PDB file of N, CA and C in Angstrom:
ATOM      1  N   MET A   1     -48.989 -28.351  -7.879  1.00  0.00           N
ATOM      2  CA  MET A   1     -48.444 -29.638  -7.536  1.00  0.00           C
ATOM      3  C   MET A   1     -48.183 -29.697  -6.047  1.00  0.00           C
ATOM      4  N   GLY A   2     -48.349 -30.859  -5.499  1.00  0.00           N
ATOM      5  CA  GLY A   2     -48.112 -31.069  -4.074  1.00  0.00           C
ATOM      6  C   GLY A   2     -46.665 -31.419  -3.811  1.00  0.00           C
ATOM      7  N   PRO A   3     -46.344 -31.728  -2.543  1.00  0.00           N
ATOM      8  CA  PRO A   3     -44.982 -32.111  -2.189  1.00  0.00           C
ATOM      9  C   PRO A   3     -44.560 -33.345  -2.982  1.00  0.00           C
ATOM     10  N   GLY A   4     -43.341 -33.368  -3.414  1.00  0.00           N
ATOM     11  CA  GLY A   4     -42.805 -34.496  -4.148  1.00  0.00           C
ATOM     12  C   GLY A   4     -43.082 -34.450  -5.630  1.00  0.00           C
ATOM     13  N   GLY A   5     -43.785 -33.425  -6.092  1.00  0.00           N
ATOM     14  CA  GLY A   5     -44.094 -33.296  -7.508  1.00  0.00           C
ATOM     15  C   GLY A   5     -42.883 -32.830  -8.286  1.00  0.00           C
ATOM     16  N   PRO A   6     -43.044 -32.687  -9.585  1.00  0.00           N
ATOM     17  CA  PRO A   6     -41.930 -32.215 -10.410  1.00  0.00           C
ATOM     18  C   PRO A   6     -41.393 -30.876  -9.926  1.00  0.00           C
ATOM     19  N   GLY A   7     -40.082 -30.780  -9.858  1.00  0.00           N
ATOM     20  CA  GLY A   7     -39.445 -29.527  -9.440  1.00  0.00           C
ATOM     21  C   GLY A   7     -39.282 -29.383  -7.943  1.00  0.00           C
ATOM     22  N   SER A   8     -39.736 -30.371  -7.157  1.00  0.00           N
ATOM     23  CA  SER A   8     -39.654 -30.227  -5.703  1.00  0.00           C
ATOM     24  C   SER A   8     -38.221 -30.204  -5.200  1.00  0.00           C
ATOM     25  N   GLY A   9     -37.285 -30.760  -5.954  1.00  0.00           N
ATOM     26  CA  GLY A   9     -35.889 -30.773  -5.535  1.00  0.00           C
ATOM     27  C   GLY A   9     -35.108 -29.551  -5.963  1.00  0.00           C
ATOM     28  N   TRP A  10     -35.706 -28.657  -6.721  1.00  0.00           N
ATOM     29  CA  TRP A  10     -34.968 -27.514  -7.236  1.00  0.00           C
ATOM     30  C   TRP A  10     -34.433 -26.571  -6.170  1.00  0.00           C
ATOM     31  N   PRO A  11     -35.187 -26.234  -5.106  1.00  0.00           N
ATOM     32  CA  PRO A  11     -34.587 -25.328  -4.109  1.00  0.00           C
ATOM     33  C   PRO A  11     -33.316 -25.912  -3.495  1.00  0.00           C
ATOM     34  N   LEU A  12     -33.334 -27.200  -3.176  1.00  0.00           N
ATOM     35  CA  LEU A  12     -32.150 -27.835  -2.608  1.00  0.00           C
ATOM     36  C   LEU A  12     -31.035 -27.906  -3.642  1.00  0.00           C
ATOM     37  N   ALA A  13     -31.375 -28.286  -4.857  1.00  0.00           N
ATOM     38  CA  ALA A  13     -30.376 -28.376  -5.922  1.00  0.00           C
ATOM     39  C   ALA A  13     -29.764 -27.008  -6.200  1.00  0.00           C
ATOM     40  N   GLY A  14     -30.577 -25.966  -6.198  1.00  0.00           N
ATOM     41  CA  GLY A  14     -30.073 -24.609  -6.420  1.00  0.00           C
ATOM     42  C   GLY A  14     -29.126 -24.178  -5.316  1.00  0.00           C
ATOM     43  N   THR A  15     -29.470 -24.492  -4.071  1.00  0.00           N
ATOM     44  CA  THR A  15     -28.614 -24.154  -2.937  1.00  0.00           C
ATOM     45  C   THR A  15     -27.290 -24.889  -3.035  1.00  0.00           C
ATOM     46  N   LEU A  16     -27.347 -26.169  -3.384  1.00  0.00           N
ATOM     47  CA  LEU A  16     -26.133 -26.953  -3.528  1.00  0.00           C
ATOM     48  C   LEU A  16     -25.261 -26.411  -4.654  1.00  0.00           C
ATOM     49  N   LEU A  17     -25.865 -26.047  -5.759  1.00  0.00           N
ATOM     50  CA  LEU A  17     -25.126 -25.501  -6.890  1.00  0.00           C
ATOM     51  C   LEU A  17     -24.420 -24.205  -6.510  1.00  0.00           C
ATOM     52  N   VAL A  18     -25.100 -23.335  -5.790  1.00  0.00           N
ATOM     53  CA  VAL A  18     -24.501 -22.069  -5.351  1.00  0.00           C
ATOM     54  C   VAL A  18     -23.337 -22.345  -4.406  1.00  0.00           C
ATOM     55  N   ALA A  19     -23.492 -23.289  -3.493  1.00  0.00           N
ATOM     56  CA  ALA A  19     -22.427 -23.615  -2.545  1.00  0.00           C
ATOM     57  C   ALA A  19     -21.201 -24.154  -3.267  1.00  0.00           C
ATOM     58  N   VAL A  20     -21.402 -25.036  -4.225  1.00  0.00           N
ATOM     59  CA  VAL A  20     -20.276 -25.599  -4.981  1.00  0.00           C
ATOM     60  C   VAL A  20     -19.599 -24.513  -5.805  1.00  0.00           C
ATOM     61  N   ALA A  21     -20.390 -23.674  -6.465  1.00  0.00           N
ATOM     62  CA  ALA A  21     -19.817 -22.592  -7.270  1.00  0.00           C
ATOM     63  C   ALA A  21     -19.016 -21.635  -6.395  1.00  0.00           C
ATOM     64  N   ALA A  22     -19.540 -21.304  -5.222  1.00  0.00           N
ATOM     65  CA  ALA A  22     -18.833 -20.394  -4.314  1.00  0.00           C
ATOM     66  C   ALA A  22     -17.515 -21.001  -3.865  1.00  0.00           C
ATOM     67  N   SER A  23     -17.517 -22.292  -3.591  1.00  0.00           N
ATOM     68  CA  SER A  23     -16.277 -22.923  -3.148  1.00  0.00           C
ATOM     69  C   SER A  23     -15.249 -22.973  -4.269  1.00  0.00           C
ATOM     70  N   MET A  24     -15.697 -23.161  -5.506  1.00  0.00           N
ATOM     71  CA  MET A  24     -14.765 -23.207  -6.628  1.00  0.00           C
ATOM     72  C   MET A  24     -14.195 -21.830  -6.916  1.00  0.00           C
ATOM     73  N   VAL A  25     -15.023 -20.809  -6.838  1.00  0.00           N
ATOM     74  CA  VAL A  25     -14.568 -19.449  -7.096  1.00  0.00           C
ATOM     75  C   VAL A  25     -13.645 -18.984  -5.983  1.00  0.00           C
ATOM     76  N   ALA A  26     -13.982 -19.314  -4.752  1.00  0.00           N
ATOM     77  CA  ALA A  26     -13.216 -18.822  -3.611  1.00  0.00           C
ATOM     78  C   ALA A  26     -12.053 -19.725  -3.245  1.00  0.00           C
ATOM     79  N   GLY A  27     -11.842 -20.798  -3.983  1.00  0.00           N
ATOM     80  CA  GLY A  27     -10.742 -21.687  -3.675  1.00  0.00           C
ATOM     81  C   GLY A  27      -9.430 -20.925  -3.646  1.00  0.00           C
ATOM     82  N   GLY A  28      -8.631 -21.180  -2.607  1.00  0.00           N
ATOM     83  CA  GLY A  28      -7.364 -20.499  -2.488  1.00  0.00           C
ATOM     84  C   GLY A  28      -7.476 -19.115  -1.869  1.00  0.00           C
ATOM     85  N   GLU A  29      -8.617 -18.774  -1.338  1.00  0.00           N
ATOM     86  CA  GLU A  29      -8.798 -17.477  -0.676  1.00  0.00           C
ATOM     87  C   GLU A  29      -7.818 -17.373   0.488  1.00  0.00           C
ATOM     88  N   ASP A  30      -7.088 -16.278   0.559  1.00  0.00           N
ATOM     89  CA  ASP A  30      -6.076 -16.100   1.587  1.00  0.00           C
ATOM     90  C   ASP A  30      -6.673 -15.591   2.889  1.00  0.00           C
ATOM     91  N   CYS A  31      -6.042 -15.990   3.983  1.00  0.00           N
ATOM     92  CA  CYS A  31      -6.370 -15.407   5.284  1.00  0.00           C
ATOM     93  C   CYS A  31      -5.357 -14.292   5.526  1.00  0.00           C
ATOM     94  N   LEU A  32      -5.845 -13.092   5.708  1.00  0.00           N
ATOM     95  CA  LEU A  32      -4.987 -11.946   5.970  1.00  0.00           C
ATOM     96  C   LEU A  32      -4.530 -11.965   7.429  1.00  0.00           C
ATOM     97  N   TRP A  33      -3.516 -11.160   7.741  1.00  0.00           N
ATOM     98  CA  TRP A  33      -3.065 -11.072   9.126  1.00  0.00           C
ATOM     99  C   TRP A  33      -4.211 -10.593  10.008  1.00  0.00           C
ATOM    100  N   TYR A  34      -4.155 -10.941  11.280  1.00  0.00           N
ATOM    101  CA  TYR A  34      -5.204 -10.526  12.199  1.00  0.00           C
ATOM    102  C   TYR A  34      -4.665 -10.472  13.628  1.00  0.00           C
ATOM    103  N   VAL A  35      -5.419  -9.855  14.496  1.00  0.00           N
ATOM    104  CA  VAL A  35      -5.109  -9.779  15.920  1.00  0.00           C
ATOM    105  C   VAL A  35      -6.202 -10.536  16.658  1.00  0.00           C
ATOM    106  N   ASP A  36      -5.805 -11.491  17.507  1.00  0.00           N
ATOM    107  CA  ASP A  36      -6.812 -12.280  18.229  1.00  0.00           C
ATOM    108  C   ASP A  36      -7.344 -11.499  19.425  1.00  0.00           C
ATOM    109  N   ARG A  37      -8.260 -12.106  20.154  1.00  0.00           N
ATOM    110  CA  ARG A  37      -8.906 -11.422  21.279  1.00  0.00           C
ATOM    111  C   ARG A  37      -7.935 -11.069  22.409  1.00  0.00           C
ATOM    112  N   ASN A  38      -6.785 -11.750  22.451  1.00  0.00           N
ATOM    113  CA  ASN A  38      -5.776 -11.457  23.469  1.00  0.00           C
ATOM    114  C   ASN A  38      -4.800 -10.375  23.025  1.00  0.00           C
ATOM    115  N   GLY A  39      -4.986  -9.879  21.807  1.00  0.00           N
ATOM    116  CA  GLY A  39      -4.112  -8.844  21.285  1.00  0.00           C
ATOM    117  C   GLY A  39      -2.869  -9.382  20.593  1.00  0.00           C
ATOM    118  N   SER A  40      -2.794 -10.693  20.405  1.00  0.00           N
ATOM    119  CA  SER A  40      -1.647 -11.291  19.723  1.00  0.00           C
ATOM    120  C   SER A  40      -1.814 -11.191  18.210  1.00  0.00           C
ATOM    121  N   TRP A  41      -0.722 -10.810  17.532  1.00  0.00           N
ATOM    122  CA  TRP A  41      -0.719 -10.665  16.079  1.00  0.00           C
ATOM    123  C   TRP A  41      -0.444 -12.014  15.436  1.00  0.00           C
ATOM    124  N   HIS A  42      -1.174 -12.340  14.371  1.00  0.00           N
ATOM    125  CA  HIS A  42      -0.982 -13.582  13.614  1.00  0.00           C
ATOM    126  C   HIS A  42      -0.743 -13.216  12.150  1.00  0.00           C
ATOM    127  N   PRO A  43       0.317 -13.762  11.544  1.00  0.00           N
ATOM    128  CA  PRO A  43       0.596 -13.452  10.142  1.00  0.00           C
ATOM    129  C   PRO A  43      -0.448 -14.079   9.221  1.00  0.00           C
ATOM    130  N   GLY A  44      -0.584 -13.525   8.048  1.00  0.00           N
ATOM    131  CA  GLY A  44      -1.493 -14.083   7.054  1.00  0.00           C
ATOM    132  C   GLY A  44      -0.963 -15.400   6.507  1.00  0.00           C
ATOM    133  N   PHE A  45      -1.832 -16.163   5.883  1.00  0.00           N
ATOM    134  CA  PHE A  45      -1.433 -17.439   5.289  1.00  0.00           C
ATOM    135  C   PHE A  45      -2.360 -17.764   4.129  1.00  0.00           C
ATOM    136  N   ASP A  46      -1.847 -18.595   3.238  1.00  0.00           N
ATOM    137  CA  ASP A  46      -2.601 -18.995   2.049  1.00  0.00           C
ATOM    138  C   ASP A  46      -3.348 -20.287   2.317  1.00  0.00           C
ATOM    139  N   CYS A  47      -4.548 -20.369   1.772  1.00  0.00           N
ATOM    140  CA  CYS A  47      -5.317 -21.608   1.815  1.00  0.00           C
ATOM    141  C   CYS A  47      -5.113 -22.337   0.495  1.00  0.00           C
ATOM    142  N   GLY A  48      -5.144 -23.626   0.541  1.00  0.00           N
ATOM    143  CA  GLY A  48      -4.883 -24.437  -0.643  1.00  0.00           C
ATOM    144  C   GLY A  48      -6.039 -24.445  -1.625  1.00  0.00           C
ATOM    145  N   PHE A  49      -5.847 -25.228  -2.677  1.00  0.00           N
ATOM    146  CA  PHE A  49      -6.846 -25.363  -3.734  1.00  0.00           C
ATOM    147  C   PHE A  49      -8.148 -25.909  -3.161  1.00  0.00           C
ATOM    148  N   LEU A  50      -9.256 -25.295  -3.523  1.00  0.00           N
ATOM    149  CA  LEU A  50     -10.613 -25.654  -3.083  1.00  0.00           C
ATOM    150  C   LEU A  50     -10.822 -25.487  -1.590  1.00  0.00           C
ATOM    151  N   THR A  51      -9.977 -24.698  -0.933  1.00  0.00           N
ATOM    152  CA  THR A  51     -10.227 -24.291   0.445  1.00  0.00           C
ATOM    153  C   THR A  51     -10.122 -22.779   0.494  1.00  0.00           C
ATOM    154  N   PHE A  52     -10.640 -22.215   1.539  1.00  0.00           N
ATOM    155  CA  PHE A  52     -10.630 -20.770   1.654  1.00  0.00           C
ATOM    156  C   PHE A  52     -10.636 -20.373   3.112  1.00  0.00           C
ATOM    157  N   CYS A  53     -10.435 -19.100   3.363  1.00  0.00           N
ATOM    158  CA  CYS A  53     -10.355 -18.588   4.723  1.00  0.00           C
ATOM    159  C   CYS A  53     -11.725 -18.615   5.384  1.00  0.00           C
ATOM    160  N   CYS A  54     -11.755 -19.151   6.579  1.00  0.00           N
ATOM    161  CA  CYS A  54     -12.982 -19.247   7.364  1.00  0.00           C
ATOM    162  C   CYS A  54     -12.708 -18.699   8.754  1.00  0.00           C
ATOM    163  N   GLY A  55     -13.765 -18.492   9.514  1.00  0.00           N
ATOM    164  CA  GLY A  55     -13.610 -18.074  10.898  1.00  0.00           C
ATOM    165  C   GLY A  55     -14.235 -16.726  11.180  1.00  0.00           C
ATOM    166  N   THR A  56     -13.560 -15.994  12.065  1.00  0.00           N
ATOM    167  CA  THR A  56     -14.054 -14.702  12.530  1.00  0.00           C
ATOM    168  C   THR A  56     -12.935 -13.667  12.424  1.00  0.00           C
ATOM    169  N   CYS A  57     -13.212 -12.478  12.852  1.00  0.00           N
ATOM    170  CA  CYS A  57     -12.191 -11.432  12.857  1.00  0.00           C
ATOM    171  C   CYS A  57     -11.012 -11.801  13.764  1.00  0.00           C
ATOM    172  N   HIS A  58     -11.259 -12.611  14.794  1.00  0.00           N
ATOM    173  CA  HIS A  58     -10.242 -12.904  15.800  1.00  0.00           C
ATOM    174  C   HIS A  58      -9.690 -14.321  15.748  1.00  0.00           C
ATOM    175  N   GLN A  59     -10.179 -15.142  14.823  1.00  0.00           N
ATOM    176  CA  GLN A  59      -9.654 -16.500  14.673  1.00  0.00           C
ATOM    177  C   GLN A  59      -9.910 -16.944  13.238  1.00  0.00           C
ATOM    178  N   ARG A  60      -8.868 -17.354  12.540  1.00  0.00           N
ATOM    179  CA  ARG A  60      -9.001 -17.720  11.131  1.00  0.00           C
ATOM    180  C   ARG A  60      -8.335 -19.055  10.858  1.00  0.00           C
ATOM    181  N   TYR A  61      -8.896 -19.781   9.905  1.00  0.00           N
ATOM    182  CA  TYR A  61      -8.387 -21.089   9.512  1.00  0.00           C
ATOM    183  C   TYR A  61      -8.899 -21.389   8.106  1.00  0.00           C
ATOM    184  N   CYS A  62      -8.327 -22.385   7.460  1.00  0.00           N
ATOM    185  CA  CYS A  62      -8.763 -22.787   6.126  1.00  0.00           C
ATOM    186  C   CYS A  62      -9.812 -23.886   6.247  1.00  0.00           C
ATOM    187  N   CYS A  63     -10.841 -23.818   5.416  1.00  0.00           N
ATOM    188  CA  CYS A  63     -11.872 -24.847   5.422  1.00  0.00           C
ATOM    189  C   CYS A  63     -12.498 -24.956   4.034  1.00  0.00           C
ATOM    190  N   GLN A  64     -13.396 -25.917   3.887  1.00  0.00           N
ATOM    191  CA  GLN A  64     -14.096 -26.125   2.623  1.00  0.00           C
ATOM    192  C   GLN A  64     -15.579 -25.805   2.735  1.00  0.00           C
ATOM    193  N   ASP A  65     -16.027 -25.296   3.868  1.00  0.00           N
ATOM    194  CA  ASP A  65     -17.435 -24.996   4.099  1.00  0.00           C
ATOM    195  C   ASP A  65     -17.753 -23.581   3.619  1.00  0.00           C
ATOM    196  N   PRO A  66     -18.476 -23.449   2.500  1.00  0.00           N
ATOM    197  CA  PRO A  66     -18.752 -22.102   1.979  1.00  0.00           C
ATOM    198  C   PRO A  66     -19.601 -21.251   2.919  1.00  0.00           C
ATOM    199  N   LEU A  67     -20.285 -21.865   3.859  1.00  0.00           N
ATOM    200  CA  LEU A  67     -21.083 -21.098   4.809  1.00  0.00           C
ATOM    201  C   LEU A  67     -20.211 -20.406   5.860  1.00  0.00           C
ATOM    202  N   ARG A  68     -18.958 -20.840   5.990  1.00  0.00           N
ATOM    203  CA  ARG A  68     -18.027 -20.236   6.952  1.00  0.00           C
ATOM    204  C   ARG A  68     -17.010 -19.323   6.290  1.00  0.00           C
ATOM    205  N   LEU A  69     -17.151 -19.131   4.987  1.00  0.00           N
ATOM    206  CA  LEU A  69     -16.227 -18.311   4.208  1.00  0.00           C
ATOM    207  C   LEU A  69     -16.085 -16.918   4.803  1.00  0.00           C
ATOM    208  N   LEU A  70     -14.853 -16.475   4.938  1.00  0.00           N
ATOM    209  CA  LEU A  70     -14.541 -15.118   5.383  1.00  0.00           C
ATOM    210  C   LEU A  70     -13.751 -14.479   4.249  1.00  0.00           C
ATOM    211  N   THR A  71     -14.427 -13.656   3.454  1.00  0.00           N
ATOM    212  CA  THR A  71     -13.782 -13.078   2.273  1.00  0.00           C
ATOM    213  C   THR A  71     -12.694 -12.093   2.689  1.00  0.00           C
ATOM    214  N   GLU A  72     -11.803 -11.796   1.748  1.00  0.00           N
ATOM    215  CA  GLU A  72     -10.760 -10.815   2.041  1.00  0.00           C
ATOM    216  C   GLU A  72     -11.384  -9.451   2.327  1.00  0.00           C
ATOM    217  N   ARG A  73     -12.488  -9.149   1.678  1.00  0.00           N
ATOM    218  CA  ARG A  73     -13.177  -7.879   1.949  1.00  0.00           C
ATOM    219  C   ARG A  73     -13.671  -7.842   3.400  1.00  0.00           C
ATOM    220  N   GLN A  74     -14.262  -8.936   3.864  1.00  0.00           N
ATOM    221  CA  GLN A  74     -14.720  -9.009   5.256  1.00  0.00           C
ATOM    222  C   GLN A  74     -13.543  -8.914   6.214  1.00  0.00           C
ATOM    223  N   GLN A  75     -12.435  -9.555   5.856  1.00  0.00           N
ATOM    224  CA  GLN A  75     -11.247  -9.502   6.707  1.00  0.00           C
ATOM    225  C   GLN A  75     -10.715  -8.079   6.816  1.00  0.00           C
ATOM    226  N   ARG A  76     -10.686  -7.351   5.706  1.00  0.00           N
ATOM    227  CA  ARG A  76     -10.228  -5.959   5.749  1.00  0.00           C
ATOM    228  C   ARG A  76     -11.161  -5.102   6.591  1.00  0.00           C
ATOM    229  N   HIS A  77     -12.456  -5.425   6.557  1.00  0.00           N
ATOM    230  CA  HIS A  77     -13.416  -4.701   7.397  1.00  0.00           C
ATOM    231  C   HIS A  77     -13.103  -4.930   8.876  1.00  0.00           C
ATOM    232  N   CYS A  78     -12.670  -6.143   9.222  1.00  0.00           N
ATOM    233  CA  CYS A  78     -12.266  -6.442  10.611  1.00  0.00           C
ATOM    234  C   CYS A  78     -11.132  -5.534  11.054  1.00  0.00           C
ATOM    235  N   LEU A  79     -10.197  -5.259  10.146  1.00  0.00           N
ATOM    236  CA  LEU A  79      -9.028  -4.439  10.487  1.00  0.00           C
ATOM    237  C   LEU A  79      -9.402  -3.011  10.801  1.00  0.00           C
ATOM    238  N   ALA A  80     -10.522  -2.563  10.237  1.00  0.00           N
ATOM    239  CA  ALA A  80     -10.932  -1.173  10.444  1.00  0.00           C
ATOM    240  C   ALA A  80     -11.548  -0.948  11.820  1.00  0.00           C
ATOM    241  N   PHE A  81     -11.944  -2.041  12.477  1.00  0.00           N
ATOM    242  CA  PHE A  81     -12.625  -1.882  13.778  1.00  0.00           C
ATOM    243  C   PHE A  81     -11.916  -2.591  14.879  1.00  0.00           C
TER     244      PHE A  81
END
């Protein structure tokens, strides 16, 4: 089948489904304490329902974008280095 044939929307639909599922599973993901690039300590904080911790090792915030998700495992890895 050529472009636009049956099933042509499945890759996009699959990606969207994974993103929605990830956001639902990770909803309420906490941001652990961290040290920013200036060496200042920041306490951990909770993200609300359907939001999760996003950002980098040195800057964290709550968001709904699953592509910016920073899991607690990734955050703990930041602490080791």
